[in-house]
Amino acid sequence: MDLETFYESNEARRESAEFEYGDVWTDSVGNHYELSWVEATGELYIMIEPDATITEDAFGDWYPSSEPVSELTVVVIGQVASHDHLESLLDGWDEAIAQVNSLAWLYQRFPAKI
């Protein structure tokens, strides 16, 4: 589903705190994904930005250009009731994200969705 549909289908998502777990997860063909957890719903989701243009600002920071929300695809890959439990499931994510096809690492923890 697209990003706006994701938030519209449950307003608790829009008002909730979210925790990001990296934005350079990759699949087997090199697409990049962002991993986030919505505190109010317990949903862990990945989002892909198709063909996002990366630009540099005046301070040397790199960021993707704005994409229409209809182009941002969201897939819920799991539901975890507490932040502490999520932290234990994702222990080592900051090292795993650097691997080629790092989504395979997530698949081991959430096999039914990815």
PDB file of N, CA and C in Angstrom:
ATOM      1  N   MET A   1       0.837  -1.165   0.000  1.00  0.00           N
ATOM      2  CA  MET A   1       0.000   0.000   0.000  1.00  0.00           C
ATOM      3  C   MET A   1       0.887   1.234   0.000  1.00  0.00           C
ATOM      4  N   ASP A   2       0.354   2.363  -0.440  1.00  0.00           N
ATOM      5  CA  ASP A   2       1.164   3.578  -0.422  1.00  0.00           C
ATOM      6  C   ASP A   2       1.164   4.183   0.984  1.00  0.00           C
ATOM      7  N   LEU A   3       2.074   5.108   1.208  1.00  0.00           N
ATOM      8  CA  LEU A   3       2.282   5.675   2.541  1.00  0.00           C
ATOM      9  C   LEU A   3       1.040   6.367   3.077  1.00  0.00           C
ATOM     10  N   GLU A   4       0.365   7.149   2.264  1.00  0.00           N
ATOM     11  CA  GLU A   4      -0.820   7.870   2.743  1.00  0.00           C
ATOM     12  C   GLU A   4      -1.939   6.897   3.118  1.00  0.00           C
ATOM     13  N   THR A   5      -2.147   5.850   2.326  1.00  0.00           N
ATOM     14  CA  THR A   5      -3.157   4.840   2.643  1.00  0.00           C
ATOM     15  C   THR A   5      -2.823   4.152   3.957  1.00  0.00           C
ATOM     16  N   PHE A   6      -1.554   3.888   4.181  1.00  0.00           N
ATOM     17  CA  PHE A   6      -1.099   3.278   5.425  1.00  0.00           C
ATOM     18  C   PHE A   6      -1.553   4.107   6.624  1.00  0.00           C
ATOM     19  N   TYR A   7      -1.294   5.410   6.590  1.00  0.00           N
ATOM     20  CA  TYR A   7      -1.668   6.266   7.709  1.00  0.00           C
ATOM     21  C   TYR A   7      -3.170   6.504   7.783  1.00  0.00           C
ATOM     22  N   GLU A   8      -3.831   6.662   6.651  1.00  0.00           N
ATOM     23  CA  GLU A   8      -5.281   6.904   6.652  1.00  0.00           C
ATOM     24  C   GLU A   8      -6.078   5.719   7.178  1.00  0.00           C
ATOM     25  N   SER A   9      -5.575   4.514   6.976  1.00  0.00           N
ATOM     26  CA  SER A   9      -6.322   3.326   7.383  1.00  0.00           C
ATOM     27  C   SER A   9      -6.312   3.101   8.897  1.00  0.00           C
ATOM     28  N   ASN A  10      -5.442   3.827   9.609  1.00  0.00           N
ATOM     29  CA  ASN A  10      -5.420   3.739  11.071  1.00  0.00           C
ATOM     30  C   ASN A  10      -4.804   5.029  11.601  1.00  0.00           C
ATOM     31  N   GLU A  11      -5.639   5.939  12.058  1.00  0.00           N
ATOM     32  CA  GLU A  11      -5.172   7.247  12.519  1.00  0.00           C
ATOM     33  C   GLU A  11      -4.212   7.159  13.707  1.00  0.00           C
ATOM     34  N   ALA A  12      -4.253   6.067  14.461  1.00  0.00           N
ATOM     35  CA  ALA A  12      -3.317   5.898  15.579  1.00  0.00           C
ATOM     36  C   ALA A  12      -1.882   5.916  15.060  1.00  0.00           C
ATOM     37  N   ARG A  13      -1.679   5.435  13.848  1.00  0.00           N
ATOM     38  CA  ARG A  13      -0.332   5.440  13.262  1.00  0.00           C
ATOM     39  C   ARG A  13       0.180   6.864  13.093  1.00  0.00           C
ATOM     40  N   ARG A  14      -0.685   7.727  12.599  1.00  0.00           N
ATOM     41  CA  ARG A  14      -0.288   9.101  12.290  1.00  0.00           C
ATOM     42  C   ARG A  14       0.131   9.868  13.546  1.00  0.00           C
ATOM     43  N   GLU A  15      -0.523   9.603  14.650  1.00  0.00           N
ATOM     44  CA  GLU A  15      -0.252  10.344  15.879  1.00  0.00           C
ATOM     45  C   GLU A  15       0.777   9.671  16.782  1.00  0.00           C
ATOM     46  N   SER A  16       1.224   8.505  16.420  1.00  0.00           N
ATOM     47  CA  SER A  16       2.136   7.724  17.241  1.00  0.00           C
ATOM     48  C   SER A  16       3.588   8.149  17.079  1.00  0.00           C
ATOM     49  N   ALA A  17       4.367   7.850  18.104  1.00  0.00           N
ATOM     50  CA  ALA A  17       5.817   7.934  17.973  1.00  0.00           C
ATOM     51  C   ALA A  17       6.266   6.807  17.043  1.00  0.00           C
ATOM     52  N   GLU A  18       7.303   7.077  16.261  1.00  0.00           N
ATOM     53  CA  GLU A  18       7.888   6.048  15.402  1.00  0.00           C
ATOM     54  C   GLU A  18       9.383   5.989  15.661  1.00  0.00           C
ATOM     55  N   PHE A  19       9.913   4.791  15.537  1.00  0.00           N
ATOM     56  CA  PHE A  19      11.342   4.572  15.707  1.00  0.00           C
ATOM     57  C   PHE A  19      11.886   4.035  14.394  1.00  0.00           C
ATOM     58  N   GLU A  20      12.932   4.659  13.889  1.00  0.00           N
ATOM     59  CA  GLU A  20      13.531   4.240  12.626  1.00  0.00           C
ATOM     60  C   GLU A  20      14.743   3.359  12.895  1.00  0.00           C
ATOM     61  N   TYR A  21      14.846   2.318  12.107  1.00  0.00           N
ATOM     62  CA  TYR A  21      15.970   1.380  12.202  1.00  0.00           C
ATOM     63  C   TYR A  21      16.693   1.317  10.866  1.00  0.00           C
ATOM     64  N   GLY A  22      17.131   2.456  10.401  1.00  0.00           N
ATOM     65  CA  GLY A  22      17.936   2.530   9.199  1.00  0.00           C
ATOM     66  C   GLY A  22      17.128   2.706   7.933  1.00  0.00           C
ATOM     67  N   ASP A  23      17.761   3.356   6.959  1.00  0.00           N
ATOM     68  CA  ASP A  23      17.093   3.617   5.690  1.00  0.00           C
ATOM     69  C   ASP A  23      17.890   3.124   4.488  1.00  0.00           C
ATOM     70  N   VAL A  24      18.824   2.203   4.733  1.00  0.00           N
ATOM     71  CA  VAL A  24      19.585   1.636   3.612  1.00  0.00           C
ATOM     72  C   VAL A  24      19.582   0.106   3.640  1.00  0.00           C
ATOM     73  N   TRP A  25      18.464  -0.471   4.078  1.00  0.00           N
ATOM     74  CA  TRP A  25      18.295  -1.915   3.953  1.00  0.00           C
ATOM     75  C   TRP A  25      18.208  -2.223   2.464  1.00  0.00           C
ATOM     76  N   THR A  26      18.750  -3.351   2.046  1.00  0.00           N
ATOM     77  CA  THR A  26      18.732  -3.685   0.620  1.00  0.00           C
ATOM     78  C   THR A  26      18.137  -5.065   0.381  1.00  0.00           C
ATOM     79  N   ASP A  27      17.586  -5.233  -0.815  1.00  0.00           N
ATOM     80  CA  ASP A  27      17.120  -6.548  -1.237  1.00  0.00           C
ATOM     81  C   ASP A  27      18.155  -7.148  -2.179  1.00  0.00           C
ATOM     82  N   SER A  28      17.834  -8.269  -2.778  1.00  0.00           N
ATOM     83  CA  SER A  28      18.807  -8.985  -3.612  1.00  0.00           C
ATOM     84  C   SER A  28      19.175  -8.257  -4.901  1.00  0.00           C
ATOM     85  N   VAL A  29      18.375  -7.275  -5.307  1.00  0.00           N
ATOM     86  CA  VAL A  29      18.704  -6.525  -6.527  1.00  0.00           C
ATOM     87  C   VAL A  29      19.172  -5.107  -6.220  1.00  0.00           C
ATOM     88  N   GLY A  30      19.348  -4.785  -4.933  1.00  0.00           N
ATOM     89  CA  GLY A  30      19.931  -3.512  -4.554  1.00  0.00           C
ATOM     90  C   GLY A  30      18.963  -2.376  -4.273  1.00  0.00           C
ATOM     91  N   ASN A  31      17.647  -2.630  -4.249  1.00  0.00           N
ATOM     92  CA  ASN A  31      16.703  -1.583  -3.863  1.00  0.00           C
ATOM     93  C   ASN A  31      16.916  -1.231  -2.405  1.00  0.00           C
ATOM     94  N   HIS A  32      16.689   0.027  -2.062  1.00  0.00           N
ATOM     95  CA  HIS A  32      16.853   0.490  -0.683  1.00  0.00           C
ATOM     96  C   HIS A  32      15.514   0.618   0.016  1.00  0.00           C
ATOM     97  N   TYR A  33      15.509   0.269   1.306  1.00  0.00           N
ATOM     98  CA  TYR A  33      14.314   0.280   2.134  1.00  0.00           C
ATOM     99  C   TYR A  33      14.600   0.990   3.442  1.00  0.00           C
ATOM    100  N   GLU A  34      13.564   1.550   4.022  1.00  0.00           N
ATOM    101  CA  GLU A  34      13.630   2.138   5.356  1.00  0.00           C
ATOM    102  C   GLU A  34      12.820   1.234   6.280  1.00  0.00           C
ATOM    103  N   LEU A  35      13.327   0.999   7.486  1.00  0.00           N
ATOM    104  CA  LEU A  35      12.642   0.156   8.468  1.00  0.00           C
ATOM    105  C   LEU A  35      12.202   1.019   9.637  1.00  0.00           C
ATOM    106  N   SER A  36      10.914   0.948   9.984  1.00  0.00           N
ATOM    107  CA  SER A  36      10.372   1.753  11.081  1.00  0.00           C
ATOM    108  C   SER A  36       9.383   0.935  11.902  1.00  0.00           C
ATOM    109  N   TRP A  37       9.215   1.356  13.159  1.00  0.00           N
ATOM    110  CA  TRP A  37       8.260   0.721  14.068  1.00  0.00           C
ATOM    111  C   TRP A  37       7.325   1.783  14.606  1.00  0.00           C
ATOM    112  N   VAL A  38       6.021   1.516  14.565  1.00  0.00           N
ATOM    113  CA  VAL A  38       4.991   2.427  15.060  1.00  0.00           C
ATOM    114  C   VAL A  38       4.622   1.993  16.476  1.00  0.00           C
ATOM    115  N   GLU A  39       4.889   2.843  17.434  1.00  0.00           N
ATOM    116  CA  GLU A  39       4.682   2.484  18.837  1.00  0.00           C
ATOM    117  C   GLU A  39       3.217   2.151  19.150  1.00  0.00           C
ATOM    118  N   ALA A  40       2.269   2.941  18.681  1.00  0.00           N
ATOM    119  CA  ALA A  40       0.858   2.755  19.037  1.00  0.00           C
ATOM    120  C   ALA A  40       0.264   1.451  18.531  1.00  0.00           C
ATOM    121  N   THR A  41       0.728   0.978  17.396  1.00  0.00           N
ATOM    122  CA  THR A  41       0.160  -0.237  16.802  1.00  0.00           C
ATOM    123  C   THR A  41       1.083  -1.439  16.901  1.00  0.00           C
ATOM    124  N   GLY A  42       2.360  -1.199  17.209  1.00  0.00           N
ATOM    125  CA  GLY A  42       3.336  -2.283  17.273  1.00  0.00           C
ATOM    126  C   GLY A  42       3.786  -2.763  15.908  1.00  0.00           C
ATOM    127  N   GLU A  43       3.420  -2.038  14.862  1.00  0.00           N
ATOM    128  CA  GLU A  43       3.744  -2.483  13.502  1.00  0.00           C
ATOM    129  C   GLU A  43       5.174  -2.117  13.119  1.00  0.00           C
ATOM    130  N   LEU A  44       5.865  -3.112  12.618  1.00  0.00           N
ATOM    131  CA  LEU A  44       7.191  -2.919  12.049  1.00  0.00           C
ATOM    132  C   LEU A  44       7.003  -2.958  10.538  1.00  0.00           C
ATOM    133  N   TYR A  45       7.457  -1.920   9.855  1.00  0.00           N
ATOM    134  CA  TYR A  45       7.235  -1.878   8.416  1.00  0.00           C
ATOM    135  C   TYR A  45       8.478  -1.443   7.657  1.00  0.00           C
ATOM    136  N   ILE A  46       8.522  -1.877   6.401  1.00  0.00           N
ATOM    137  CA  ILE A  46       9.551  -1.408   5.485  1.00  0.00           C
ATOM    138  C   ILE A  46       8.880  -0.522   4.451  1.00  0.00           C
ATOM    139  N   MET A  47       9.637   0.457   3.973  1.00  0.00           N
ATOM    140  CA  MET A  47       9.142   1.371   2.952  1.00  0.00           C
ATOM    141  C   MET A  47      10.219   1.501   1.882  1.00  0.00           C
ATOM    142  N   ILE A  48       9.805   1.430   0.638  1.00  0.00           N
ATOM    143  CA  ILE A  48      10.736   1.605  -0.465  1.00  0.00           C
ATOM    144  C   ILE A  48      10.390   2.874  -1.218  1.00  0.00           C
ATOM    145  N   GLU A  49      11.423   3.606  -1.588  1.00  0.00           N
ATOM    146  CA  GLU A  49      11.269   4.797  -2.405  1.00  0.00           C
ATOM    147  C   GLU A  49      11.753   4.460  -3.812  1.00  0.00           C
ATOM    148  N   PRO A  50      10.848   4.362  -4.767  1.00  0.00           N
ATOM    149  CA  PRO A  50      11.271   3.996  -6.122  1.00  0.00           C
ATOM    150  C   PRO A  50      12.034   5.121  -6.800  1.00  0.00           C
ATOM    151  N   ASP A  51      13.202   4.794  -7.279  1.00  0.00           N
ATOM    152  CA  ASP A  51      14.008   5.733  -8.067  1.00  0.00           C
ATOM    153  C   ASP A  51      14.194   7.084  -7.394  1.00  0.00           C
ATOM    154  N   ALA A  52      14.380   7.099  -6.080  1.00  0.00           N
ATOM    155  CA  ALA A  52      14.582   8.365  -5.375  1.00  0.00           C
ATOM    156  C   ALA A  52      15.893   8.994  -5.811  1.00  0.00           C
ATOM    157  N   THR A  53      15.863  10.282  -6.055  1.00  0.00           N
ATOM    158  CA  THR A  53      17.057  11.015  -6.422  1.00  0.00           C
ATOM    159  C   THR A  53      17.751  11.462  -5.147  1.00  0.00           C
ATOM    160  N   ILE A  54      19.032  11.184  -5.037  1.00  0.00           N
ATOM    161  CA  ILE A  54      19.792  11.562  -3.851  1.00  0.00           C
ATOM    162  C   ILE A  54      20.520  12.872  -4.158  1.00  0.00           C
ATOM    163  N   THR A  55      20.382  13.849  -3.251  1.00  0.00           N
ATOM    164  CA  THR A  55      21.036  15.141  -3.437  1.00  0.00           C
ATOM    165  C   THR A  55      21.803  15.505  -2.179  1.00  0.00           C
ATOM    166  N   GLU A  56      22.715  16.465  -2.321  1.00  0.00           N
ATOM    167  CA  GLU A  56      23.531  16.916  -1.195  1.00  0.00           C
ATOM    168  C   GLU A  56      23.148  18.346  -0.859  1.00  0.00           C
ATOM    169  N   ASP A  57      23.010  18.645   0.452  1.00  0.00           N
ATOM    170  CA  ASP A  57      22.687  20.017   0.832  1.00  0.00           C
ATOM    171  C   ASP A  57      23.973  20.807   1.095  1.00  0.00           C
ATOM    172  N   ALA A  58      23.832  22.069   1.481  1.00  0.00           N
ATOM    173  CA  ALA A  58      24.978  22.958   1.681  1.00  0.00           C
ATOM    174  C   ALA A  58      25.900  22.507   2.807  1.00  0.00           C
ATOM    175  N   PHE A  59      25.415  21.627   3.685  1.00  0.00           N
ATOM    176  CA  PHE A  59      26.217  21.158   4.810  1.00  0.00           C
ATOM    177  C   PHE A  59      26.885  19.817   4.537  1.00  0.00           C
ATOM    178  N   GLY A  60      26.707  19.290   3.324  1.00  0.00           N
ATOM    179  CA  GLY A  60      27.307  18.015   2.976  1.00  0.00           C
ATOM    180  C   GLY A  60      26.489  16.806   3.349  1.00  0.00           C
ATOM    181  N   ASP A  61      25.245  17.030   3.814  1.00  0.00           N
ATOM    182  CA  ASP A  61      24.375  15.914   4.151  1.00  0.00           C
ATOM    183  C   ASP A  61      23.656  15.427   2.902  1.00  0.00           C
ATOM    184  N   TRP A  62      23.491  14.118   2.796  1.00  0.00           N
ATOM    185  CA  TRP A  62      22.815  13.519   1.647  1.00  0.00           C
ATOM    186  C   TRP A  62      21.400  13.154   2.038  1.00  0.00           C
ATOM    187  N   TYR A  63      20.458  13.377   1.142  1.00  0.00           N
ATOM    188  CA  TYR A  63      19.068  13.040   1.419  1.00  0.00           C
ATOM    189  C   TYR A  63      18.326  12.757   0.117  1.00  0.00           C
ATOM    190  N   PRO A  64      17.278  11.925   0.184  1.00  0.00           N
ATOM    191  CA  PRO A  64      16.483  11.673  -1.019  1.00  0.00           C
ATOM    192  C   PRO A  64      15.574  12.858  -1.305  1.00  0.00           C
ATOM    193  N   SER A  65      15.359  13.127  -2.580  1.00  0.00           N
ATOM    194  CA  SER A  65      14.426  14.192  -2.942  1.00  0.00           C
ATOM    195  C   SER A  65      13.018  13.775  -2.559  1.00  0.00           C
ATOM    196  N   SER A  66      12.135  14.729  -2.473  1.00  0.00           N
ATOM    197  CA  SER A  66      10.752  14.423  -2.114  1.00  0.00           C
ATOM    198  C   SER A  66      10.094  13.593  -3.200  1.00  0.00           C
ATOM    199  N   GLU A  67       9.482  12.531  -2.785  1.00  0.00           N
ATOM    200  CA  GLU A  67       8.728  11.674  -3.690  1.00  0.00           C
ATOM    201  C   GLU A  67       7.262  11.809  -3.328  1.00  0.00           C
ATOM    202  N   PRO A  68       6.371  11.757  -4.306  1.00  0.00           N
ATOM    203  CA  PRO A  68       4.948  11.766  -3.955  1.00  0.00           C
ATOM    204  C   PRO A  68       4.631  10.560  -3.072  1.00  0.00           C
ATOM    205  N   VAL A  69       3.777  10.758  -2.051  1.00  0.00           N
ATOM    206  CA  VAL A  69       3.473   9.656  -1.143  1.00  0.00           C
ATOM    207  C   VAL A  69       2.865   8.464  -1.871  1.00  0.00           C
ATOM    208  N   SER A  70       2.259   8.699  -3.014  1.00  0.00           N
ATOM    209  CA  SER A  70       1.689   7.582  -3.774  1.00  0.00           C
ATOM    210  C   SER A  70       2.773   6.682  -4.349  1.00  0.00           C
ATOM    211  N   GLU A  71       4.014   7.160  -4.356  1.00  0.00           N
ATOM    212  CA  GLU A  71       5.134   6.371  -4.874  1.00  0.00           C
ATOM    213  C   GLU A  71       5.877   5.633  -3.769  1.00  0.00           C
ATOM    214  N   LEU A  72       5.526   5.881  -2.509  1.00  0.00           N
ATOM    215  CA  LEU A  72       6.205   5.254  -1.383  1.00  0.00           C
ATOM    216  C   LEU A  72       5.410   4.029  -0.947  1.00  0.00           C
ATOM    217  N   THR A  73       5.961   2.850  -1.156  1.00  0.00           N
ATOM    218  CA  THR A  73       5.272   1.613  -0.842  1.00  0.00           C
ATOM    219  C   THR A  73       5.647   1.142   0.560  1.00  0.00           C
ATOM    220  N   VAL A  74       4.620   0.814   1.351  1.00  0.00           N
ATOM    221  CA  VAL A  74       4.787   0.360   2.723  1.00  0.00           C
ATOM    222  C   VAL A  74       4.324  -1.090   2.826  1.00  0.00           C
ATOM    223  N   VAL A  75       5.133  -1.916   3.507  1.00  0.00           N
ATOM    224  CA  VAL A  75       4.758  -3.301   3.779  1.00  0.00           C
ATOM    225  C   VAL A  75       5.000  -3.566   5.264  1.00  0.00           C
ATOM    226  N   VAL A  76       3.943  -3.931   5.981  1.00  0.00           N
ATOM    227  CA  VAL A  76       4.087  -4.296   7.386  1.00  0.00           C
ATOM    228  C   VAL A  76       4.666  -5.706   7.433  1.00  0.00           C
ATOM    229  N   ILE A  77       5.811  -5.847   8.121  1.00  0.00           N
ATOM    230  CA  ILE A  77       6.486  -7.147   8.152  1.00  0.00           C
ATOM    231  C   ILE A  77       6.340  -7.867   9.480  1.00  0.00           C
ATOM    232  N   GLY A  78       5.801  -7.183  10.472  1.00  0.00           N
ATOM    233  CA  GLY A  78       5.610  -7.829  11.764  1.00  0.00           C
ATOM    234  C   GLY A  78       4.907  -6.917  12.732  1.00  0.00           C
ATOM    235  N   GLN A  79       4.499  -7.487  13.839  1.00  0.00           N
ATOM    236  CA  GLN A  79       3.876  -6.715  14.908  1.00  0.00           C
ATOM    237  C   GLN A  79       4.550  -7.134  16.209  1.00  0.00           C
ATOM    238  N   VAL A  80       5.077  -6.141  16.911  1.00  0.00           N
ATOM    239  CA  VAL A  80       5.811  -6.378  18.146  1.00  0.00           C
ATOM    240  C   VAL A  80       5.219  -5.453  19.198  1.00  0.00           C
ATOM    241  N   ALA A  81       4.766  -6.036  20.292  1.00  0.00           N
ATOM    242  CA  ALA A  81       3.998  -5.288  21.289  1.00  0.00           C
ATOM    243  C   ALA A  81       4.791  -4.231  22.042  1.00  0.00           C
ATOM    244  N   SER A  82       6.073  -4.468  22.285  1.00  0.00           N
ATOM    245  CA  SER A  82       6.822  -3.495  23.088  1.00  0.00           C
ATOM    246  C   SER A  82       8.138  -3.129  22.420  1.00  0.00           C
ATOM    247  N   HIS A  83       8.591  -1.930  22.742  1.00  0.00           N
ATOM    248  CA  HIS A  83       9.859  -1.458  22.201  1.00  0.00           C
ATOM    249  C   HIS A  83      11.023  -2.319  22.694  1.00  0.00           C
ATOM    250  N   ASP A  84      10.972  -2.741  23.950  1.00  0.00           N
ATOM    251  CA  ASP A  84      12.039  -3.591  24.490  1.00  0.00           C
ATOM    252  C   ASP A  84      12.126  -4.920  23.738  1.00  0.00           C
ATOM    253  N   HIS A  85      10.970  -5.517  23.460  1.00  0.00           N
ATOM    254  CA  HIS A  85      10.973  -6.778  22.720  1.00  0.00           C
ATOM    255  C   HIS A  85      11.494  -6.560  21.298  1.00  0.00           C
ATOM    256  N   LEU A  86      11.087  -5.473  20.673  1.00  0.00           N
ATOM    257  CA  LEU A  86      11.587  -5.153  19.333  1.00  0.00           C
ATOM    258  C   LEU A  86      13.102  -5.006  19.352  1.00  0.00           C
ATOM    259  N   GLU A  87      13.606  -4.281  20.339  1.00  0.00           N
ATOM    260  CA  GLU A  87      15.056  -4.097  20.453  1.00  0.00           C
ATOM    261  C   GLU A  87      15.778  -5.446  20.538  1.00  0.00           C
ATOM    262  N   SER A  88      15.203  -6.397  21.258  1.00  0.00           N
ATOM    263  CA  SER A  88      15.846  -7.716  21.355  1.00  0.00           C
ATOM    264  C   SER A  88      15.777  -8.459  20.022  1.00  0.00           C
ATOM    265  N   LEU A  89      14.668  -8.336  19.307  1.00  0.00           N
ATOM    266  CA  LEU A  89      14.545  -8.994  18.004  1.00  0.00           C
ATOM    267  C   LEU A  89      15.493  -8.394  16.965  1.00  0.00           C
ATOM    268  N   LEU A  90      15.745  -7.104  17.087  1.00  0.00           N
ATOM    269  CA  LEU A  90      16.590  -6.414  16.109  1.00  0.00           C
ATOM    270  C   LEU A  90      18.027  -6.222  16.593  1.00  0.00           C
ATOM    271  N   ASP A  91      18.401  -6.917  17.656  1.00  0.00           N
ATOM    272  CA  ASP A  91      19.766  -6.807  18.154  1.00  0.00           C
ATOM    273  C   ASP A  91      20.754  -7.110  17.029  1.00  0.00           C
ATOM    274  N   GLY A  92      21.646  -6.173  16.764  1.00  0.00           N
ATOM    275  CA  GLY A  92      22.643  -6.334  15.702  1.00  0.00           C
ATOM    276  C   GLY A  92      22.226  -5.746  14.364  1.00  0.00           C
ATOM    277  N   TRP A  93      21.073  -5.081  14.310  1.00  0.00           N
ATOM    278  CA  TRP A  93      20.590  -4.543  13.032  1.00  0.00           C
ATOM    279  C   TRP A  93      21.570  -3.545  12.420  1.00  0.00           C
ATOM    280  N   ASP A  94      22.241  -2.769  13.254  1.00  0.00           N
ATOM    281  CA  ASP A  94      23.139  -1.748  12.737  1.00  0.00           C
ATOM    282  C   ASP A  94      24.351  -2.343  12.023  1.00  0.00           C
ATOM    283  N   GLU A  95      24.670  -3.584  12.308  1.00  0.00           N
ATOM    284  CA  GLU A  95      25.729  -4.279  11.569  1.00  0.00           C
ATOM    285  C   GLU A  95      25.135  -5.003  10.364  1.00  0.00           C
ATOM    286  N   ALA A  96      23.965  -5.586  10.540  1.00  0.00           N
ATOM    287  CA  ALA A  96      23.323  -6.345   9.463  1.00  0.00           C
ATOM    288  C   ALA A  96      22.958  -5.474   8.277  1.00  0.00           C
ATOM    289  N   ILE A  97      22.589  -4.233   8.536  1.00  0.00           N
ATOM    290  CA  ILE A  97      22.146  -3.344   7.470  1.00  0.00           C
ATOM    291  C   ILE A  97      23.239  -3.103   6.426  1.00  0.00           C
ATOM    292  N   ALA A  98      24.486  -3.241   6.829  1.00  0.00           N
ATOM    293  CA  ALA A  98      25.607  -3.008   5.913  1.00  0.00           C
ATOM    294  C   ALA A  98      25.857  -4.183   4.970  1.00  0.00           C
ATOM    295  N   GLN A  99      25.220  -5.305   5.213  1.00  0.00           N
ATOM    296  CA  GLN A  99      25.416  -6.486   4.375  1.00  0.00           C
ATOM    297  C   GLN A  99      24.669  -6.352   3.055  1.00  0.00           C
ATOM    298  N   VAL A 100      25.168  -7.023   2.027  1.00  0.00           N
ATOM    299  CA  VAL A 100      24.447  -7.119   0.763  1.00  0.00           C
ATOM    300  C   VAL A 100      23.179  -7.930   1.032  1.00  0.00           C
ATOM    301  N   ASN A 101      22.050  -7.520   0.475  1.00  0.00           N
ATOM    302  CA  ASN A 101      20.755  -8.165   0.692  1.00  0.00           C
ATOM    303  C   ASN A 101      20.448  -8.274   2.187  1.00  0.00           C
ATOM    304  N   SER A 102      20.519  -7.146   2.870  1.00  0.00           N
ATOM    305  CA  SER A 102      20.285  -7.131   4.312  1.00  0.00           C
ATOM    306  C   SER A 102      18.852  -7.486   4.696  1.00  0.00           C
ATOM    307  N   LEU A 103      17.911  -7.420   3.750  1.00  0.00           N
ATOM    308  CA  LEU A 103      16.546  -7.850   4.063  1.00  0.00           C
ATOM    309  C   LEU A 103      16.501  -9.335   4.419  1.00  0.00           C
ATOM    310  N   ALA A 104      17.465 -10.103   3.954  1.00  0.00           N
ATOM    311  CA  ALA A 104      17.521 -11.527   4.304  1.00  0.00           C
ATOM    312  C   ALA A 104      17.689 -11.687   5.817  1.00  0.00           C
ATOM    313  N   TRP A 105      18.439 -10.794   6.429  1.00  0.00           N
ATOM    314  CA  TRP A 105      18.612 -10.804   7.887  1.00  0.00           C
ATOM    315  C   TRP A 105      17.269 -10.567   8.571  1.00  0.00           C
ATOM    316  N   LEU A 106      16.483  -9.597   8.062  1.00  0.00           N
ATOM    317  CA  LEU A 106      15.145  -9.347   8.614  1.00  0.00           C
ATOM    318  C   LEU A 106      14.229 -10.538   8.394  1.00  0.00           C
ATOM    319  N   TYR A 107      14.343 -11.180   7.247  1.00  0.00           N
ATOM    320  CA  TYR A 107      13.497 -12.332   6.935  1.00  0.00           C
ATOM    321  C   TYR A 107      13.664 -13.437   7.975  1.00  0.00           C
ATOM    322  N   GLN A 108      14.871 -13.604   8.488  1.00  0.00           N
ATOM    323  CA  GLN A 108      15.108 -14.618   9.515  1.00  0.00           C
ATOM    324  C   GLN A 108      14.323 -14.316  10.787  1.00  0.00           C
ATOM    325  N   ARG A 109      14.064 -13.047  11.065  1.00  0.00           N
ATOM    326  CA  ARG A 109      13.352 -12.658  12.274  1.00  0.00           C
ATOM    327  C   ARG A 109      11.849 -12.510  12.076  1.00  0.00           C
ATOM    328  N   PHE A 110      11.441 -12.223  10.837  1.00  0.00           N
ATOM    329  CA  PHE A 110      10.025 -12.023  10.501  1.00  0.00           C
ATOM    330  C   PHE A 110       9.706 -12.761   9.205  1.00  0.00           C
ATOM    331  N   PRO A 111       9.774 -14.088   9.205  1.00  0.00           N
ATOM    332  CA  PRO A 111       9.708 -14.859   7.952  1.00  0.00           C
ATOM    333  C   PRO A 111       8.372 -14.845   7.219  1.00  0.00           C
ATOM    334  N   ALA A 112       7.299 -14.542   7.876  1.00  0.00           N
ATOM    335  CA  ALA A 112       5.988 -14.639   7.230  1.00  0.00           C
ATOM    336  C   ALA A 112       5.674 -13.457   6.334  1.00  0.00           C
ATOM    337  N   LYS A 113       6.409 -12.355   6.415  1.00  0.00           N
ATOM    338  CA  LYS A 113       5.993 -11.146   5.723  1.00  0.00           C
ATOM    339  C   LYS A 113       6.892 -10.669   4.593  1.00  0.00           C
ATOM    340  N   ILE A 114       8.174 -10.892   4.680  1.00  0.00           N
ATOM    341  CA  ILE A 114       9.089 -10.316   3.676  1.00  0.00           C
ATOM    342  C   ILE A 114       9.168 -11.229   2.468  1.00  0.00           C
TER     343      ILE A 114
END
